[in-house]
């Protein structure tokens, strides 16, 4: 089982350290963060400018849905 875990982690680009299985059957492992910052994932370079960013269509849609939900809660709540 440890070998299968090592083989699966080998495909991951992040640095990962796997320790031996404990007497309780637990495997301890560490993994370095390897993701873009959220601001980079939710934006792209502005198409009409050489610098600056705009939100992606997906992140804008999520923001609109959140605002609609918030507005709906305000309409329903008394007061």
PDB file of N, CA and C in Angstrom:
ATOM      1  N   UNK A   1       0.811  -1.180   0.000  1.00  0.00           N
ATOM      2  CA  UNK A   1       0.000   0.000   0.000  1.00  0.00           C
ATOM      3  C   UNK A   1       0.864   1.257   0.000  1.00  0.00           C
ATOM      4  N   UNK A   2       1.946   1.248   0.780  1.00  0.00           N
ATOM      5  CA  UNK A   2       2.847   2.394   0.783  1.00  0.00           C
ATOM      6  C   UNK A   2       3.422   2.622  -0.606  1.00  0.00           C
ATOM      7  N   UNK A   3       3.751   1.548  -1.294  1.00  0.00           N
ATOM      8  CA  UNK A   3       4.327   1.668  -2.633  1.00  0.00           C
ATOM      9  C   UNK A   3       3.336   2.338  -3.576  1.00  0.00           C
ATOM     10  N   UNK A   4       2.057   1.983  -3.489  1.00  0.00           N
ATOM     11  CA  UNK A   4       1.037   2.584  -4.350  1.00  0.00           C
ATOM     12  C   UNK A   4       0.913   4.076  -4.060  1.00  0.00           C
ATOM     13  N   UNK A   5       0.990   4.471  -2.789  1.00  0.00           N
ATOM     14  CA  UNK A   5       0.921   5.879  -2.430  1.00  0.00           C
ATOM     15  C   UNK A   5       2.130   6.631  -2.978  1.00  0.00           C
ATOM     16  N   UNK A   6       3.310   6.050  -2.819  1.00  0.00           N
ATOM     17  CA  UNK A   6       4.522   6.675  -3.366  1.00  0.00           C
ATOM     18  C   UNK A   6       4.412   6.841  -4.881  1.00  0.00           C
ATOM     19  N   UNK A   7       3.917   5.818  -5.559  1.00  0.00           N
ATOM     20  CA  UNK A   7       3.774   5.898  -7.015  1.00  0.00           C
ATOM     21  C   UNK A   7       2.771   6.970  -7.434  1.00  0.00           C
ATOM     22  N   UNK A   8       1.669   7.082  -6.696  1.00  0.00           N
ATOM     23  CA  UNK A   8       0.653   8.086  -7.023  1.00  0.00           C
ATOM     24  C   UNK A   8       1.185   9.496  -6.796  1.00  0.00           C
ATOM     25  N   UNK A   9       1.946   9.684  -5.721  1.00  0.00           N
ATOM     26  CA  UNK A   9       2.483  11.010  -5.395  1.00  0.00           C
ATOM     27  C   UNK A   9       3.576  11.416  -6.375  1.00  0.00           C
ATOM     28  N   UNK A  10       4.233  10.461  -6.961  1.00  0.00           N
ATOM     29  CA  UNK A  10       5.317  10.751  -7.898  1.00  0.00           C
ATOM     30  C   UNK A  10       4.838  11.610  -9.073  1.00  0.00           C
ATOM     31  N   UNK A  11       3.557  11.470  -9.456  1.00  0.00           N
ATOM     32  CA  UNK A  11       3.012  12.252 -10.573  1.00  0.00           C
ATOM     33  C   UNK A  11       2.699  13.688 -10.175  1.00  0.00           C
ATOM     34  N   UNK A  12       2.619  13.945  -8.863  1.00  0.00           N
ATOM     35  CA  UNK A  12       2.287  15.280  -8.361  1.00  0.00           C
ATOM     36  C   UNK A  12       3.506  16.185  -8.480  1.00  0.00           C
ATOM     37  N   UNK A  13       3.300  17.413  -8.937  1.00  0.00           N
ATOM     38  CA  UNK A  13       4.418  18.333  -9.100  1.00  0.00           C
ATOM     39  C   UNK A  13       4.866  18.946  -7.779  1.00  0.00           C
ATOM     40  N   UNK A  14       4.016  18.924  -6.778  1.00  0.00           N
ATOM     41  CA  UNK A  14       4.373  19.496  -5.484  1.00  0.00           C
ATOM     42  C   UNK A  14       5.341  18.577  -4.751  1.00  0.00           C
ATOM     43  N   UNK A  15       6.186  19.176  -3.938  1.00  0.00           N
ATOM     44  CA  UNK A  15       7.117  18.400  -3.138  1.00  0.00           C
ATOM     45  C   UNK A  15       6.355  17.710  -2.024  1.00  0.00           C
ATOM     46  N   UNK A  16       6.486  16.400  -1.943  1.00  0.00           N
ATOM     47  CA  UNK A  16       5.743  15.621  -0.957  1.00  0.00           C
ATOM     48  C   UNK A  16       6.700  14.705  -0.211  1.00  0.00           C
ATOM     49  N   UNK A  17       6.506  14.603   1.098  1.00  0.00           N
ATOM     50  CA  UNK A  17       7.311  13.704   1.922  1.00  0.00           C
ATOM     51  C   UNK A  17       6.356  12.745   2.608  1.00  0.00           C
ATOM     52  N   UNK A  18       6.594  11.455   2.449  1.00  0.00           N
ATOM     53  CA  UNK A  18       5.743  10.425   3.042  1.00  0.00           C
ATOM     54  C   UNK A  18       6.575   9.631   4.041  1.00  0.00           C
ATOM     55  N   UNK A  19       6.065   9.534   5.260  1.00  0.00           N
ATOM     56  CA  UNK A  19       6.744   8.758   6.298  1.00  0.00           C
ATOM     57  C   UNK A  19       6.165   7.353   6.332  1.00  0.00           C
ATOM     58  N   UNK A  20       6.768   6.497   7.093  1.00  0.00           N
ATOM     59  CA  UNK A  20       6.288   5.108   7.188  1.00  0.00           C
ATOM     60  C   UNK A  20       4.930   5.033   7.884  1.00  0.00           C
ATOM     61  N   UNK A  21       4.242   3.937   7.652  1.00  0.00           N
ATOM     62  CA  UNK A  21       2.960   3.696   8.305  1.00  0.00           C
ATOM     63  C   UNK A  21       3.198   3.441   9.796  1.00  0.00           C
ATOM     64  N   UNK A  22       2.391   4.097  10.621  1.00  0.00           N
ATOM     65  CA  UNK A  22       2.535   3.950  12.079  1.00  0.00           C
ATOM     66  C   UNK A  22       1.955   2.605  12.513  1.00  0.00           C
ATOM     67  N   UNK A  23       2.219   2.210  13.753  1.00  0.00           N
ATOM     68  CA  UNK A  23       1.624   0.973  14.270  1.00  0.00           C
ATOM     69  C   UNK A  23       0.092   1.014  14.260  1.00  0.00           C
ATOM     70  N   UNK A  24      -0.480   2.217  14.216  1.00  0.00           N
ATOM     71  CA  UNK A  24      -1.937   2.362  14.173  1.00  0.00           C
ATOM     72  C   UNK A  24      -2.491   2.320  12.750  1.00  0.00           C
ATOM     73  N   UNK A  25      -1.608   2.160  11.763  1.00  0.00           N
ATOM     74  CA  UNK A  25      -2.042   2.096  10.371  1.00  0.00           C
ATOM     75  C   UNK A  25      -2.206   3.452   9.712  1.00  0.00           C
ATOM     76  N   UNK A  26      -1.650   4.505  10.312  1.00  0.00           N
ATOM     77  CA  UNK A  26      -1.758   5.850   9.757  1.00  0.00           C
ATOM     78  C   UNK A  26      -0.500   6.211   8.985  1.00  0.00           C
ATOM     79  N   UNK A  27      -0.665   6.940   7.903  1.00  0.00           N
ATOM     80  CA  UNK A  27       0.466   7.407   7.120  1.00  0.00           C
ATOM     81  C   UNK A  27       0.547   8.916   7.276  1.00  0.00           C
ATOM     82  N   UNK A  28       1.708   9.403   7.673  1.00  0.00           N
ATOM     83  CA  UNK A  28       1.903  10.843   7.796  1.00  0.00           C
ATOM     84  C   UNK A  28       2.607  11.337   6.550  1.00  0.00           C
ATOM     85  N   UNK A  29       2.095  12.450   6.017  1.00  0.00           N
ATOM     86  CA  UNK A  29       2.733  13.007   4.833  1.00  0.00           C
ATOM     87  C   UNK A  29       2.622  14.519   4.847  1.00  0.00           C
ATOM     88  N   UNK A  30       3.569  15.173   4.200  1.00  0.00           N
ATOM     89  CA  UNK A  30       3.535  16.618   4.050  1.00  0.00           C
ATOM     90  C   UNK A  30       3.538  16.917   2.558  1.00  0.00           C
ATOM     91  N   UNK A  31       2.937  18.042   2.200  1.00  0.00           N
ATOM     92  CA  UNK A  31       2.881  18.422   0.789  1.00  0.00           C
ATOM     93  C   UNK A  31       3.023  19.930   0.719  1.00  0.00           C
ATOM     94  N   UNK A  32       3.940  20.401  -0.110  1.00  0.00           N
ATOM     95  CA  UNK A  32       4.111  21.842  -0.240  1.00  0.00           C
ATOM     96  C   UNK A  32       2.982  22.415  -1.082  1.00  0.00           C
ATOM     97  N   UNK A  33       2.577  23.618  -0.743  1.00  0.00           N
ATOM     98  CA  UNK A  33       1.510  24.283  -1.500  1.00  0.00           C
ATOM     99  C   UNK A  33       2.022  24.567  -2.909  1.00  0.00           C
ATOM    100  N   UNK A  34       1.207  24.281  -3.894  1.00  0.00           N
ATOM    101  CA  UNK A  34       1.659  24.448  -5.273  1.00  0.00           C
ATOM    102  C   UNK A  34       0.538  25.041  -6.118  1.00  0.00           C
ATOM    103  N   UNK A  35      -0.213  25.946  -5.558  1.00  0.00           N
ATOM    104  CA  UNK A  35      -1.325  26.534  -6.295  1.00  0.00           C
ATOM    105  C   UNK A  35      -1.060  28.011  -6.511  1.00  0.00           C
ATOM    106  N   UNK A  36      -1.670  28.538  -7.557  1.00  0.00           N
ATOM    107  CA  UNK A  36      -1.583  29.966  -7.800  1.00  0.00           C
ATOM    108  C   UNK A  36      -2.365  30.693  -6.716  1.00  0.00           C
ATOM    109  N   UNK A  37      -1.974  31.914  -6.412  1.00  0.00           N
ATOM    110  CA  UNK A  37      -2.797  32.698  -5.496  1.00  0.00           C
ATOM    111  C   UNK A  37      -4.205  32.870  -6.065  1.00  0.00           C
ATOM    112  N   UNK A  38      -5.171  32.991  -5.175  1.00  0.00           N
ATOM    113  CA  UNK A  38      -6.566  33.081  -5.600  1.00  0.00           C
ATOM    114  C   UNK A  38      -6.788  34.235  -6.565  1.00  0.00           C
ATOM    115  N   UNK A  39      -6.128  35.358  -6.342  1.00  0.00           N
ATOM    116  CA  UNK A  39      -6.308  36.515  -7.230  1.00  0.00           C
ATOM    117  C   UNK A  39      -5.912  36.170  -8.662  1.00  0.00           C
ATOM    118  N   UNK A  40      -4.892  35.349  -8.835  1.00  0.00           N
ATOM    119  CA  UNK A  40      -4.470  34.959 -10.181  1.00  0.00           C
ATOM    120  C   UNK A  40      -5.427  33.956 -10.801  1.00  0.00           C
ATOM    121  N   UNK A  41      -6.018  33.068  -9.974  1.00  0.00           N
ATOM    122  CA  UNK A  41      -6.948  32.071 -10.511  1.00  0.00           C
ATOM    123  C   UNK A  41      -8.257  32.699 -10.947  1.00  0.00           C
ATOM    124  N   UNK A  42      -8.638  33.825 -10.332  1.00  0.00           N
ATOM    125  CA  UNK A  42      -9.946  34.438 -10.588  1.00  0.00           C
ATOM    126  C   UNK A  42      -9.869  35.622 -11.536  1.00  0.00           C
ATOM    127  N   UNK A  43      -8.718  35.863 -12.124  1.00  0.00           N
ATOM    128  CA  UNK A  43      -8.597  37.003 -13.024  1.00  0.00           C
ATOM    129  C   UNK A  43      -7.720  36.635 -14.219  1.00  0.00           C
ATOM    130  N   UNK A  44      -7.761  37.497 -15.212  1.00  0.00           N
ATOM    131  CA  UNK A  44      -6.909  37.315 -16.390  1.00  0.00           C
ATOM    132  C   UNK A  44      -6.453  38.693 -16.845  1.00  0.00           C
ATOM    133  N   UNK A  45      -5.472  38.742 -17.714  1.00  0.00           N
ATOM    134  CA  UNK A  45      -4.984  40.015 -18.216  1.00  0.00           C
ATOM    135  C   UNK A  45      -6.081  40.708 -19.000  1.00  0.00           C
ATOM    136  N   UNK A  46      -6.217  42.005 -18.791  1.00  0.00           N
ATOM    137  CA  UNK A  46      -7.249  42.773 -19.492  1.00  0.00           C
ATOM    138  C   UNK A  46      -6.982  42.712 -20.998  1.00  0.00           C
ATOM    139  N   UNK A  47      -8.003  42.365 -21.806  1.00  0.00           N
ATOM    140  CA  UNK A  47      -7.779  42.179 -23.234  1.00  0.00           C
ATOM    141  C   UNK A  47      -7.421  43.466 -23.983  1.00  0.00           C
ATOM    142  N   UNK A  48      -7.874  44.613 -23.507  1.00  0.00           N
ATOM    143  CA  UNK A  48      -7.635  45.861 -24.235  1.00  0.00           C
ATOM    144  C   UNK A  48      -6.426  46.622 -23.699  1.00  0.00           C
ATOM    145  N   UNK A  49      -5.751  46.077 -22.730  1.00  0.00           N
ATOM    146  CA  UNK A  49      -4.619  46.779 -22.132  1.00  0.00           C
ATOM    147  C   UNK A  49      -3.418  45.853 -22.036  1.00  0.00           C
ATOM    148  N   UNK A  50      -2.249  46.453 -21.954  1.00  0.00           N
ATOM    149  CA  UNK A  50      -1.048  45.643 -21.802  1.00  0.00           C
ATOM    150  C   UNK A  50      -0.794  45.298 -20.341  1.00  0.00           C
ATOM    151  N   UNK A  51      -1.495  45.967 -19.450  1.00  0.00           N
ATOM    152  CA  UNK A  51      -1.378  45.667 -18.023  1.00  0.00           C
ATOM    153  C   UNK A  51      -2.766  45.797 -17.406  1.00  0.00           C
ATOM    154  N   UNK A  52      -2.896  45.314 -16.224  1.00  0.00           N
ATOM    155  CA  UNK A  52      -4.197  45.317 -15.565  1.00  0.00           C
ATOM    156  C   UNK A  52      -4.871  43.969 -15.719  1.00  0.00           C
ATOM    157  N   UNK A  53      -5.834  43.720 -14.847  1.00  0.00           N
ATOM    158  CA  UNK A  53      -6.534  42.452 -14.866  1.00  0.00           C
ATOM    159  C   UNK A  53      -8.031  42.674 -14.778  1.00  0.00           C
ATOM    160  N   UNK A  54      -8.776  41.707 -15.242  1.00  0.00           N
ATOM    161  CA  UNK A  54     -10.228  41.692 -15.121  1.00  0.00           C
ATOM    162  C   UNK A  54     -10.629  40.333 -14.564  1.00  0.00           C
ATOM    163  N   UNK A  55     -11.791  40.274 -13.935  1.00  0.00           N
ATOM    164  CA  UNK A  55     -12.277  39.002 -13.407  1.00  0.00           C
ATOM    165  C   UNK A  55     -12.646  38.070 -14.553  1.00  0.00           C
ATOM    166  N   UNK A  56     -12.478  36.781 -14.317  1.00  0.00           N
ATOM    167  CA  UNK A  56     -12.915  35.805 -15.314  1.00  0.00           C
ATOM    168  C   UNK A  56     -14.437  35.751 -15.297  1.00  0.00           C
ATOM    169  N   UNK A  57     -15.010  35.209 -16.361  1.00  0.00           N
ATOM    170  CA  UNK A  57     -16.470  35.089 -16.438  1.00  0.00           C
ATOM    171  C   UNK A  57     -16.995  34.238 -15.288  1.00  0.00           C
ATOM    172  N   UNK A  58     -16.267  33.182 -14.943  1.00  0.00           N
ATOM    173  CA  UNK A  58     -16.697  32.307 -13.861  1.00  0.00           C
ATOM    174  C   UNK A  58     -16.709  33.027 -12.524  1.00  0.00           C
ATOM    175  N   UNK A  59     -15.648  33.791 -12.222  1.00  0.00           N
ATOM    176  CA  UNK A  59     -15.612  34.473 -10.928  1.00  0.00           C
ATOM    177  C   UNK A  59     -16.648  35.590 -10.874  1.00  0.00           C
ATOM    178  N   UNK A  60     -16.918  36.243 -11.989  1.00  0.00           N
ATOM    179  CA  UNK A  60     -17.959  37.275 -12.014  1.00  0.00           C
ATOM    180  C   UNK A  60     -19.335  36.648 -11.802  1.00  0.00           C
ATOM    181  N   UNK A  61     -19.586  35.489 -12.407  1.00  0.00           N
ATOM    182  CA  UNK A  61     -20.868  34.809 -12.241  1.00  0.00           C
ATOM    183  C   UNK A  61     -21.073  34.403 -10.787  1.00  0.00           C
ATOM    184  N   UNK A  62     -20.042  33.892 -10.148  1.00  0.00           N
ATOM    185  CA  UNK A  62     -20.136  33.505  -8.742  1.00  0.00           C
ATOM    186  C   UNK A  62     -20.439  34.719  -7.874  1.00  0.00           C
ATOM    187  N   UNK A  63     -19.796  35.843  -8.175  1.00  0.00           N
ATOM    188  CA  UNK A  63     -20.053  37.061  -7.406  1.00  0.00           C
ATOM    189  C   UNK A  63     -21.502  37.523  -7.563  1.00  0.00           C
ATOM    190  N   UNK A  64     -22.038  37.445  -8.775  1.00  0.00           N
ATOM    191  CA  UNK A  64     -23.423  37.848  -9.018  1.00  0.00           C
ATOM    192  C   UNK A  64     -24.382  36.942  -8.243  1.00  0.00           C
ATOM    193  N   UNK A  65     -24.133  35.645  -8.264  1.00  0.00           N
ATOM    194  CA  UNK A  65     -24.999  34.708  -7.530  1.00  0.00           C
ATOM    195  C   UNK A  65     -24.959  35.017  -6.037  1.00  0.00           C
ATOM    196  N   UNK A  66     -23.770  35.274  -5.503  1.00  0.00           N
ATOM    197  CA  UNK A  66     -23.659  35.610  -4.077  1.00  0.00           C
ATOM    198  C   UNK A  66     -24.433  36.881  -3.751  1.00  0.00           C
ATOM    199  N   UNK A  67     -24.334  37.895  -4.607  1.00  0.00           N
ATOM    200  CA  UNK A  67     -25.068  39.140  -4.372  1.00  0.00           C
ATOM    201  C   UNK A  67     -26.572  38.916  -4.427  1.00  0.00           C
ATOM    202  N   UNK A  68     -27.034  38.067  -5.347  1.00  0.00           N
ATOM    203  CA  UNK A  68     -28.466  37.762  -5.435  1.00  0.00           C
ATOM    204  C   UNK A  68     -28.956  37.036  -4.188  1.00  0.00           C
ATOM    205  N   UNK A  69     -28.166  36.097  -3.711  1.00  0.00           N
ATOM    206  CA  UNK A  69     -28.532  35.370  -2.487  1.00  0.00           C
ATOM    207  C   UNK A  69     -28.589  36.333  -1.312  1.00  0.00           C
ATOM    208  N   UNK A  70     -27.598  37.205  -1.198  1.00  0.00           N
ATOM    209  CA  UNK A  70     -27.577  38.180  -0.117  1.00  0.00           C
ATOM    210  C   UNK A  70     -28.787  39.108  -0.207  1.00  0.00           C
ATOM    211  N   UNK A  71     -29.116  39.565  -1.400  1.00  0.00           N
ATOM    212  CA  UNK A  71     -30.277  40.434  -1.579  1.00  0.00           C
ATOM    213  C   UNK A  71     -31.564  39.694  -1.215  1.00  0.00           C
ATOM    214  N   UNK A  72     -31.658  38.428  -1.569  1.00  0.00           N
ATOM    215  CA  UNK A  72     -32.827  37.621  -1.226  1.00  0.00           C
ATOM    216  C   UNK A  72     -32.997  37.466   0.273  1.00  0.00           C
ATOM    217  N   UNK A  73     -31.898  37.295   0.982  1.00  0.00           N
ATOM    218  CA  UNK A  73     -31.966  37.175   2.438  1.00  0.00           C
ATOM    219  C   UNK A  73     -32.404  38.495   3.068  1.00  0.00           C
ATOM    220  N   UNK A  74     -31.968  39.584   2.512  1.00  0.00           N
ATOM    221  CA  UNK A  74     -32.356  40.901   3.057  1.00  0.00           C
ATOM    222  C   UNK A  74     -33.840  41.162   2.833  1.00  0.00           C
ATOM    223  N   UNK A  75     -34.377  40.680   1.714  1.00  0.00           N
ATOM    224  CA  UNK A  75     -35.803  40.866   1.417  1.00  0.00           C
ATOM    225  C   UNK A  75     -36.669  40.066   2.380  1.00  0.00           C
ATOM    226  N   UNK A  76     -36.192  38.876   2.753  1.00  0.00           N
ATOM    227  CA  UNK A  76     -36.983  37.969   3.585  1.00  0.00           C
ATOM    228  C   UNK A  76     -36.881  38.350   5.056  1.00  0.00           C
ATOM    229  N   UNK A  77     -35.697  38.773   5.506  1.00  0.00           N
ATOM    230  CA  UNK A  77     -35.541  39.046   6.935  1.00  0.00           C
ATOM    231  C   UNK A  77     -36.300  40.297   7.369  1.00  0.00           C
ATOM    232  N   UNK A  78     -36.911  40.181   8.538  1.00  0.00           N
ATOM    233  CA  UNK A  78     -37.644  41.350   9.056  1.00  0.00           C
ATOM    234  C   UNK A  78     -36.657  42.422   9.513  1.00  0.00           C
ATOM    235  N   UNK A  79     -37.026  43.615   9.254  1.00  0.00           N
ATOM    236  CA  UNK A  79     -36.353  44.644   9.718  1.00  0.00           C
ATOM    237  C   UNK A  79     -35.431  45.568   9.790  1.00  0.00           C
TER     238      UNK A  79
END
